[in-house]
Amino acid sequence: MSLLFALALQVAAQPTRPQRQVSQADLNAMADACRAPRSWLVLRGREVVFRGSPNADFAKIECVLKKVSAVVPMNKIGIIGNAQASEEK
């Protein structure tokens, strides 16, 4: 039990990594690396907004989200659907 407590104290004492500030230039580089439109990633204040097109290639979406999640803490993420209503009634 004391070994577990000592390990917990050691982990708690580890310095936390400072959060890196992301710029629009960083987001543009991520989009470019994935060959995705730069308009998909927009910096609004401290939020990164991702807005892919409805017909986007899923591989590009996955690439962009992986690159963003590697730099931006994604403990709070909101997903808003962009599916359009069908024209059938």
PDB file of N, CA and C in Angstrom:
ATOM      1  N   MET A   1       0.820  -1.191   0.000  1.00  0.00           N
ATOM      2  CA  MET A   1       0.000   0.000   0.000  1.00  0.00           C
ATOM      3  C   MET A   1       0.871   1.265   0.000  1.00  0.00           C
ATOM      4  N   SER A   2       1.964   1.249   0.769  1.00  0.00           N
ATOM      5  CA  SER A   2       2.826   2.424   0.826  1.00  0.00           C
ATOM      6  C   SER A   2       3.547   2.653  -0.500  1.00  0.00           C
ATOM      7  N   LEU A   3       3.815   1.576  -1.232  1.00  0.00           N
ATOM      8  CA  LEU A   3       4.439   1.716  -2.543  1.00  0.00           C
ATOM      9  C   LEU A   3       3.487   2.426  -3.504  1.00  0.00           C
ATOM     10  N   LEU A   4       2.222   2.061  -3.450  1.00  0.00           N
ATOM     11  CA  LEU A   4       1.216   2.706  -4.296  1.00  0.00           C
ATOM     12  C   LEU A   4       1.073   4.181  -3.941  1.00  0.00           C
ATOM     13  N   PHE A   5       1.113   4.476  -2.642  1.00  0.00           N
ATOM     14  CA  PHE A   5       1.025   5.868  -2.192  1.00  0.00           C
ATOM     15  C   PHE A   5       2.235   6.668  -2.669  1.00  0.00           C
ATOM     16  N   ALA A   6       3.420   6.075  -2.565  1.00  0.00           N
ATOM     17  CA  ALA A   6       4.638   6.750  -3.016  1.00  0.00           C
ATOM     18  C   ALA A   6       4.603   7.002  -4.523  1.00  0.00           C
ATOM     19  N   LEU A   7       4.097   6.042  -5.262  1.00  0.00           N
ATOM     20  CA  LEU A   7       3.984   6.212  -6.715  1.00  0.00           C
ATOM     21  C   LEU A   7       2.993   7.331  -7.046  1.00  0.00           C
ATOM     22  N   ALA A   8       1.886   7.371  -6.318  1.00  0.00           N
ATOM     23  CA  ALA A   8       0.889   8.423  -6.539  1.00  0.00           C
ATOM     24  C   ALA A   8       1.473   9.795  -6.238  1.00  0.00           C
ATOM     25  N   LEU A   9       2.259   9.901  -5.182  1.00  0.00           N
ATOM     26  CA  LEU A   9       2.899  11.176  -4.853  1.00  0.00           C
ATOM     27  C   LEU A   9       3.898  11.589  -5.927  1.00  0.00           C
ATOM     28  N   GLN A  10       4.627  10.624  -6.452  1.00  0.00           N
ATOM     29  CA  GLN A  10       5.609  10.930  -7.488  1.00  0.00           C
ATOM     30  C   GLN A  10       4.914  11.442  -8.751  1.00  0.00           C
ATOM     31  N   VAL A  11       3.824  10.808  -9.122  1.00  0.00           N
ATOM     32  CA  VAL A  11       3.084  11.239 -10.313  1.00  0.00           C
ATOM     33  C   VAL A  11       2.486  12.618 -10.097  1.00  0.00           C
ATOM     34  N   ALA A  12       1.947  12.854  -8.885  1.00  0.00           N
ATOM     35  CA  ALA A  12       1.344  14.154  -8.601  1.00  0.00           C
ATOM     36  C   ALA A  12       2.380  15.266  -8.583  1.00  0.00           C
ATOM     37  N   ALA A  13       3.610  14.934  -8.243  1.00  0.00           N
ATOM     38  CA  ALA A  13       4.669  15.941  -8.159  1.00  0.00           C
ATOM     39  C   ALA A  13       5.277  16.272  -9.515  1.00  0.00           C
ATOM     40  N   GLN A  14       4.952  15.492 -10.544  1.00  0.00           N
ATOM     41  CA  GLN A  14       5.502  15.746 -11.875  1.00  0.00           C
ATOM     42  C   GLN A  14       5.009  17.102 -12.377  1.00  0.00           C
ATOM     43  N   PRO A  15       5.884  17.890 -12.945  1.00  0.00           N
ATOM     44  CA  PRO A  15       5.441  19.180 -13.478  1.00  0.00           C
ATOM     45  C   PRO A  15       4.510  18.971 -14.664  1.00  0.00           C
ATOM     46  N   THR A  16       3.500  19.779 -14.731  1.00  0.00           N
ATOM     47  CA  THR A  16       2.570  19.687 -15.855  1.00  0.00           C
ATOM     48  C   THR A  16       3.168  20.425 -17.041  1.00  0.00           C
ATOM     49  N   ARG A  17       2.882  19.921 -18.214  1.00  0.00           N
ATOM     50  CA  ARG A  17       3.381  20.571 -19.419  1.00  0.00           C
ATOM     51  C   ARG A  17       2.613  21.870 -19.635  1.00  0.00           C
ATOM     52  N   PRO A  18       3.304  22.944 -19.884  1.00  0.00           N
ATOM     53  CA  PRO A  18       2.581  24.181 -20.178  1.00  0.00           C
ATOM     54  C   PRO A  18       1.832  24.032 -21.495  1.00  0.00           C
ATOM     55  N   GLN A  19       0.630  24.560 -21.517  1.00  0.00           N
ATOM     56  CA  GLN A  19      -0.162  24.460 -22.744  1.00  0.00           C
ATOM     57  C   GLN A  19       0.398  25.425 -23.777  1.00  0.00           C
ATOM     58  N   ARG A  20       0.597  24.910 -24.941  1.00  0.00           N
ATOM     59  CA  ARG A  20       1.146  25.691 -26.036  1.00  0.00           C
ATOM     60  C   ARG A  20       0.033  26.523 -26.655  1.00  0.00           C
ATOM     61  N   GLN A  21       0.330  27.762 -26.929  1.00  0.00           N
ATOM     62  CA  GLN A  21      -0.625  28.617 -27.611  1.00  0.00           C
ATOM     63  C   GLN A  21      -0.589  28.287 -29.098  1.00  0.00           C
ATOM     64  N   VAL A  22      -1.736  28.049 -29.663  1.00  0.00           N
ATOM     65  CA  VAL A  22      -1.836  27.704 -31.073  1.00  0.00           C
ATOM     66  C   VAL A  22      -2.200  28.963 -31.842  1.00  0.00           C
ATOM     67  N   SER A  23      -1.566  29.163 -32.960  1.00  0.00           N
ATOM     68  CA  SER A  23      -1.863  30.318 -33.814  1.00  0.00           C
ATOM     69  C   SER A  23      -2.580  29.855 -35.072  1.00  0.00           C
ATOM     70  N   GLN A  24      -3.140  30.806 -35.793  1.00  0.00           N
ATOM     71  CA  GLN A  24      -3.791  30.473 -37.060  1.00  0.00           C
ATOM     72  C   GLN A  24      -2.773  29.915 -38.045  1.00  0.00           C
ATOM     73  N   ALA A  25      -1.542  30.388 -37.968  1.00  0.00           N
ATOM     74  CA  ALA A  25      -0.480  29.855 -38.838  1.00  0.00           C
ATOM     75  C   ALA A  25      -0.237  28.371 -38.544  1.00  0.00           C
ATOM     76  N   ASP A  26      -0.286  27.987 -37.262  1.00  0.00           N
ATOM     77  CA  ASP A  26      -0.144  26.573 -36.893  1.00  0.00           C
ATOM     78  C   ASP A  26      -1.276  25.751 -37.497  1.00  0.00           C
ATOM     79  N   LEU A  27      -2.489  26.276 -37.394  1.00  0.00           N
ATOM     80  CA  LEU A  27      -3.650  25.559 -37.935  1.00  0.00           C
ATOM     81  C   LEU A  27      -3.564  25.440 -39.448  1.00  0.00           C
ATOM     82  N   ASN A  28      -3.087  26.506 -40.099  1.00  0.00           N
ATOM     83  CA  ASN A  28      -2.915  26.458 -41.556  1.00  0.00           C
ATOM     84  C   ASN A  28      -1.896  25.390 -41.945  1.00  0.00           C
ATOM     85  N   ALA A  29      -0.824  25.276 -41.170  1.00  0.00           N
ATOM     86  CA  ALA A  29       0.204  24.270 -41.458  1.00  0.00           C
ATOM     87  C   ALA A  29      -0.365  22.859 -41.288  1.00  0.00           C
ATOM     88  N   MET A  30      -1.218  22.676 -40.281  1.00  0.00           N
ATOM     89  CA  MET A  30      -1.849  21.364 -40.080  1.00  0.00           C
ATOM     90  C   MET A  30      -2.750  21.015 -41.257  1.00  0.00           C
ATOM     91  N   ALA A  31      -3.544  21.968 -41.701  1.00  0.00           N
ATOM     92  CA  ALA A  31      -4.425  21.727 -42.847  1.00  0.00           C
ATOM     93  C   ALA A  31      -3.605  21.442 -44.098  1.00  0.00           C
ATOM     94  N   ASP A  32      -2.545  22.200 -44.302  1.00  0.00           N
ATOM     95  CA  ASP A  32      -1.689  21.987 -45.468  1.00  0.00           C
ATOM     96  C   ASP A  32      -1.060  20.599 -45.454  1.00  0.00           C
ATOM     97  N   ALA A  33      -0.619  20.157 -44.275  1.00  0.00           N
ATOM     98  CA  ALA A  33       0.015  18.842 -44.163  1.00  0.00           C
ATOM     99  C   ALA A  33      -0.967  17.722 -44.512  1.00  0.00           C
ATOM    100  N   CYS A  34      -2.250  17.965 -44.269  1.00  0.00           N
ATOM    101  CA  CYS A  34      -3.283  16.957 -44.570  1.00  0.00           C
ATOM    102  C   CYS A  34      -3.931  17.182 -45.937  1.00  0.00           C
ATOM    103  N   ARG A  35      -3.436  18.180 -46.653  1.00  0.00           N
ATOM    104  CA  ARG A  35      -4.011  18.550 -47.953  1.00  0.00           C
ATOM    105  C   ARG A  35      -5.503  18.838 -47.834  1.00  0.00           C
ATOM    106  N   ALA A  36      -5.833  19.548 -46.762  1.00  0.00           N
ATOM    107  CA  ALA A  36      -7.221  19.947 -46.495  1.00  0.00           C
ATOM    108  C   ALA A  36      -7.314  21.462 -46.658  1.00  0.00           C
ATOM    109  N   PRO A  37      -8.499  21.969 -46.934  1.00  0.00           N
ATOM    110  CA  PRO A  37      -8.650  23.424 -47.046  1.00  0.00           C
ATOM    111  C   PRO A  37      -8.339  24.124 -45.725  1.00  0.00           C
ATOM    112  N   ARG A  38      -7.664  25.241 -45.803  1.00  0.00           N
ATOM    113  CA  ARG A  38      -7.343  26.004 -44.593  1.00  0.00           C
ATOM    114  C   ARG A  38      -8.604  26.516 -43.903  1.00  0.00           C
ATOM    115  N   SER A  39      -9.659  26.676 -44.655  1.00  0.00           N
ATOM    116  CA  SER A  39     -10.906  27.188 -44.074  1.00  0.00           C
ATOM    117  C   SER A  39     -11.543  26.201 -43.094  1.00  0.00           C
ATOM    118  N   TRP A  40     -11.085  24.964 -43.074  1.00  0.00           N
ATOM    119  CA  TRP A  40     -11.625  23.977 -42.129  1.00  0.00           C
ATOM    120  C   TRP A  40     -11.260  24.309 -40.697  1.00  0.00           C
ATOM    121  N   LEU A  41     -10.111  24.936 -40.463  1.00  0.00           N
ATOM    122  CA  LEU A  41      -9.649  25.237 -39.112  1.00  0.00           C
ATOM    123  C   LEU A  41      -9.559  26.738 -38.913  1.00  0.00           C
ATOM    124  N   VAL A  42     -10.281  27.225 -37.923  1.00  0.00           N
ATOM    125  CA  VAL A  42     -10.298  28.656 -37.633  1.00  0.00           C
ATOM    126  C   VAL A  42     -10.071  28.838 -36.140  1.00  0.00           C
ATOM    127  N   LEU A  43      -9.253  29.803 -35.795  1.00  0.00           N
ATOM    128  CA  LEU A  43      -9.007  30.128 -34.400  1.00  0.00           C
ATOM    129  C   LEU A  43      -9.925  31.273 -34.008  1.00  0.00           C
ATOM    130  N   ARG A  44     -10.779  31.010 -33.025  1.00  0.00           N
ATOM    131  CA  ARG A  44     -11.687  32.041 -32.498  1.00  0.00           C
ATOM    132  C   ARG A  44     -11.378  32.220 -31.022  1.00  0.00           C
ATOM    133  N   GLY A  45     -10.648  33.258 -30.716  1.00  0.00           N
ATOM    134  CA  GLY A  45     -10.225  33.458 -29.328  1.00  0.00           C
ATOM    135  C   GLY A  45      -9.303  32.328 -28.921  1.00  0.00           C
ATOM    136  N   ARG A  46      -9.745  31.526 -27.937  1.00  0.00           N
ATOM    137  CA  ARG A  46      -8.956  30.375 -27.490  1.00  0.00           C
ATOM    138  C   ARG A  46      -9.523  29.068 -28.015  1.00  0.00           C
ATOM    139  N   GLU A  47     -10.525  29.140 -28.854  1.00  0.00           N
ATOM    140  CA  GLU A  47     -11.165  27.936 -29.391  1.00  0.00           C
ATOM    141  C   GLU A  47     -10.687  27.653 -30.807  1.00  0.00           C
ATOM    142  N   VAL A  48     -10.510  26.391 -31.092  1.00  0.00           N
ATOM    143  CA  VAL A  48     -10.221  25.952 -32.452  1.00  0.00           C
ATOM    144  C   VAL A  48     -11.531  25.412 -33.010  1.00  0.00           C
ATOM    145  N   VAL A  49     -11.969  25.984 -34.104  1.00  0.00           N
ATOM    146  CA  VAL A  49     -13.216  25.564 -34.739  1.00  0.00           C
ATOM    147  C   VAL A  49     -12.876  24.772 -35.990  1.00  0.00           C
ATOM    148  N   PHE A  50     -13.414  23.560 -36.048  1.00  0.00           N
ATOM    149  CA  PHE A  50     -13.233  22.711 -37.230  1.00  0.00           C
ATOM    150  C   PHE A  50     -14.562  22.653 -37.953  1.00  0.00           C
ATOM    151  N   ARG A  51     -14.536  22.985 -39.222  1.00  0.00           N
ATOM    152  CA  ARG A  51     -15.749  22.922 -40.027  1.00  0.00           C
ATOM    153  C   ARG A  51     -15.396  22.338 -41.392  1.00  0.00           C
ATOM    154  N   GLY A  52     -15.524  21.024 -41.477  1.00  0.00           N
ATOM    155  CA  GLY A  52     -15.263  20.339 -42.740  1.00  0.00           C
ATOM    156  C   GLY A  52     -16.488  20.393 -43.631  1.00  0.00           C
ATOM    157  N   SER A  53     -16.285  20.154 -44.890  1.00  0.00           N
ATOM    158  CA  SER A  53     -17.417  20.165 -45.815  1.00  0.00           C
ATOM    159  C   SER A  53     -18.171  18.835 -45.709  1.00  0.00           C
ATOM    160  N   PRO A  54     -19.457  18.825 -46.010  1.00  0.00           N
ATOM    161  CA  PRO A  54     -20.252  17.593 -45.893  1.00  0.00           C
ATOM    162  C   PRO A  54     -19.745  16.453 -46.780  1.00  0.00           C
ATOM    163  N   ASN A  55     -19.104  16.770 -47.885  1.00  0.00           N
ATOM    164  CA  ASN A  55     -18.622  15.742 -48.813  1.00  0.00           C
ATOM    165  C   ASN A  55     -17.118  15.493 -48.665  1.00  0.00           C
ATOM    166  N   ALA A  56     -16.567  15.862 -47.527  1.00  0.00           N
ATOM    167  CA  ALA A  56     -15.116  15.759 -47.330  1.00  0.00           C
ATOM    168  C   ALA A  56     -14.661  14.314 -47.252  1.00  0.00           C
ATOM    169  N   ASP A  57     -13.429  14.108 -47.657  1.00  0.00           N
ATOM    170  CA  ASP A  57     -12.790  12.802 -47.563  1.00  0.00           C
ATOM    171  C   ASP A  57     -12.500  12.517 -46.087  1.00  0.00           C
ATOM    172  N   PHE A  58     -12.978  11.368 -45.593  1.00  0.00           N
ATOM    173  CA  PHE A  58     -12.807  11.042 -44.178  1.00  0.00           C
ATOM    174  C   PHE A  58     -11.337  10.921 -43.787  1.00  0.00           C
ATOM    175  N   ALA A  59     -10.485  10.532 -44.699  1.00  0.00           N
ATOM    176  CA  ALA A  59      -9.054  10.424 -44.397  1.00  0.00           C
ATOM    177  C   ALA A  59      -8.474  11.805 -44.081  1.00  0.00           C
ATOM    178  N   LYS A  60      -8.919  12.829 -44.798  1.00  0.00           N
ATOM    179  CA  LYS A  60      -8.452  14.193 -44.528  1.00  0.00           C
ATOM    180  C   LYS A  60      -8.978  14.685 -43.184  1.00  0.00           C
ATOM    181  N   ILE A  61     -10.235  14.381 -42.893  1.00  0.00           N
ATOM    182  CA  ILE A  61     -10.808  14.777 -41.609  1.00  0.00           C
ATOM    183  C   ILE A  61     -10.033  14.122 -40.469  1.00  0.00           C
ATOM    184  N   GLU A  62      -9.762  12.838 -40.610  1.00  0.00           N
ATOM    185  CA  GLU A  62      -9.022  12.114 -39.579  1.00  0.00           C
ATOM    186  C   GLU A  62      -7.628  12.705 -39.394  1.00  0.00           C
ATOM    187  N   CYS A  63      -6.965  13.007 -40.485  1.00  0.00           N
ATOM    188  CA  CYS A  63      -5.623  13.579 -40.433  1.00  0.00           C
ATOM    189  C   CYS A  63      -5.634  14.914 -39.691  1.00  0.00           C
ATOM    190  N   VAL A  64      -6.564  15.789 -40.048  1.00  0.00           N
ATOM    191  CA  VAL A  64      -6.641  17.107 -39.422  1.00  0.00           C
ATOM    192  C   VAL A  64      -6.929  16.979 -37.926  1.00  0.00           C
ATOM    193  N   LEU A  65      -7.892  16.140 -37.563  1.00  0.00           N
ATOM    194  CA  LEU A  65      -8.236  15.995 -36.152  1.00  0.00           C
ATOM    195  C   LEU A  65      -7.091  15.384 -35.346  1.00  0.00           C
ATOM    196  N   LYS A  66      -6.342  14.474 -35.939  1.00  0.00           N
ATOM    197  CA  LYS A  66      -5.179  13.905 -35.247  1.00  0.00           C
ATOM    198  C   LYS A  66      -4.129  14.976 -34.992  1.00  0.00           C
ATOM    199  N   LYS A  67      -3.874  15.803 -35.991  1.00  0.00           N
ATOM    200  CA  LYS A  67      -2.861  16.846 -35.836  1.00  0.00           C
ATOM    201  C   LYS A  67      -3.287  17.878 -34.796  1.00  0.00           C
ATOM    202  N   VAL A  68      -4.562  18.246 -34.810  1.00  0.00           N
ATOM    203  CA  VAL A  68      -5.062  19.219 -33.837  1.00  0.00           C
ATOM    204  C   VAL A  68      -5.006  18.630 -32.431  1.00  0.00           C
ATOM    205  N   SER A  69      -5.437  17.384 -32.276  1.00  0.00           N
ATOM    206  CA  SER A  69      -5.469  16.783 -30.938  1.00  0.00           C
ATOM    207  C   SER A  69      -4.074  16.557 -30.368  1.00  0.00           C
ATOM    208  N   ALA A  70      -3.055  16.505 -31.218  1.00  0.00           N
ATOM    209  CA  ALA A  70      -1.687  16.344 -30.733  1.00  0.00           C
ATOM    210  C   ALA A  70      -1.169  17.624 -30.087  1.00  0.00           C
ATOM    211  N   VAL A  71      -1.760  18.762 -30.435  1.00  0.00           N
ATOM    212  CA  VAL A  71      -1.280  20.046 -29.943  1.00  0.00           C
ATOM    213  C   VAL A  71      -2.272  20.706 -28.985  1.00  0.00           C
ATOM    214  N   VAL A  72      -3.536  20.572 -29.282  1.00  0.00           N
ATOM    215  CA  VAL A  72      -4.578  21.235 -28.500  1.00  0.00           C
ATOM    216  C   VAL A  72      -5.208  20.224 -27.549  1.00  0.00           C
ATOM    217  N   PRO A  73      -5.305  20.548 -26.252  1.00  0.00           N
ATOM    218  CA  PRO A  73      -5.975  19.621 -25.342  1.00  0.00           C
ATOM    219  C   PRO A  73      -7.440  19.480 -25.745  1.00  0.00           C
ATOM    220  N   MET A  74      -7.845  18.260 -25.978  1.00  0.00           N
ATOM    221  CA  MET A  74      -9.211  18.039 -26.462  1.00  0.00           C
ATOM    222  C   MET A  74     -10.062  17.389 -25.381  1.00  0.00           C
ATOM    223  N   ASN A  75      -9.956  17.911 -24.157  1.00  0.00           N
ATOM    224  CA  ASN A  75     -10.790  17.380 -23.098  1.00  0.00           C
ATOM    225  C   ASN A  75     -12.203  17.962 -23.164  1.00  0.00           C
ATOM    226  N   LYS A  76     -12.347  19.040 -23.877  1.00  0.00           N
ATOM    227  CA  LYS A  76     -13.667  19.612 -24.110  1.00  0.00           C
ATOM    228  C   LYS A  76     -13.839  19.727 -25.616  1.00  0.00           C
ATOM    229  N   ILE A  77     -14.740  18.955 -26.147  1.00  0.00           N
ATOM    230  CA  ILE A  77     -14.957  18.986 -27.591  1.00  0.00           C
ATOM    231  C   ILE A  77     -16.450  18.966 -27.849  1.00  0.00           C
ATOM    232  N   GLY A  78     -16.869  19.794 -28.744  1.00  0.00           N
ATOM    233  CA  GLY A  78     -18.267  19.814 -29.139  1.00  0.00           C
ATOM    234  C   GLY A  78     -18.356  19.543 -30.621  1.00  0.00           C
ATOM    235  N   ILE A  79     -19.278  18.701 -30.976  1.00  0.00           N
ATOM    236  CA  ILE A  79     -19.446  18.361 -32.387  1.00  0.00           C
ATOM    237  C   ILE A  79     -20.835  18.788 -32.807  1.00  0.00           C
ATOM    238  N   ILE A  80     -20.874  19.569 -33.848  1.00  0.00           N
ATOM    239  CA  ILE A  80     -22.143  20.036 -34.394  1.00  0.00           C
ATOM    240  C   ILE A  80     -22.269  19.435 -35.773  1.00  0.00           C
ATOM    241  N   GLY A  81     -23.347  18.717 -36.006  1.00  0.00           N
ATOM    242  CA  GLY A  81     -23.546  18.076 -37.302  1.00  0.00           C
ATOM    243  C   GLY A  81     -23.800  19.094 -38.394  1.00  0.00           C
ATOM    244  N   ASN A  82     -23.383  18.740 -39.584  1.00  0.00           N
ATOM    245  CA  ASN A  82     -23.602  19.651 -40.710  1.00  0.00           C
ATOM    246  C   ASN A  82     -24.390  18.955 -41.818  1.00  0.00           C
ATOM    247  N   ALA A  83     -25.050  17.863 -41.456  1.00  0.00           N
ATOM    248  CA  ALA A  83     -25.848  17.156 -42.464  1.00  0.00           C
ATOM    249  C   ALA A  83     -27.036  18.011 -42.876  1.00  0.00           C
ATOM    250  N   GLN A  84     -27.265  18.060 -44.150  1.00  0.00           N
ATOM    251  CA  GLN A  84     -28.380  18.840 -44.650  1.00  0.00           C
ATOM    252  C   GLN A  84     -29.606  17.954 -44.748  1.00  0.00           C
ATOM    253  N   ALA A  85     -30.749  18.547 -44.540  1.00  0.00           N
ATOM    254  CA  ALA A  85     -32.002  17.798 -44.629  1.00  0.00           C
ATOM    255  C   ALA A  85     -32.208  17.351 -46.075  1.00  0.00           C
ATOM    256  N   SER A  86     -32.700  16.144 -46.227  1.00  0.00           N
ATOM    257  CA  SER A  86     -32.926  15.657 -47.584  1.00  0.00           C
ATOM    258  C   SER A  86     -34.090  16.398 -48.219  1.00  0.00           C
ATOM    259  N   GLU A  87     -34.100  16.415 -49.526  1.00  0.00           N
ATOM    260  CA  GLU A  87     -35.151  17.132 -50.230  1.00  0.00           C
ATOM    261  C   GLU A  87     -36.409  16.293 -50.392  1.00  0.00           C
ATOM    262  N   GLU A  88     -36.319  14.996 -50.016  1.00  0.00           N
ATOM    263  CA  GLU A  88     -37.505  14.132 -50.072  1.00  0.00           C
ATOM    264  C   GLU A  88     -38.443  14.486 -48.946  1.00  0.00           C
ATOM    265  N   LYS A  89     -39.739  14.442 -49.248  1.00  0.00           N
ATOM    266  CA  LYS A  89     -40.733  14.711 -48.215  1.00  0.00           C
ATOM    267  C   LYS A  89     -41.730  13.605 -48.141  1.00  0.00           C
TER     268      LYS A  89
END
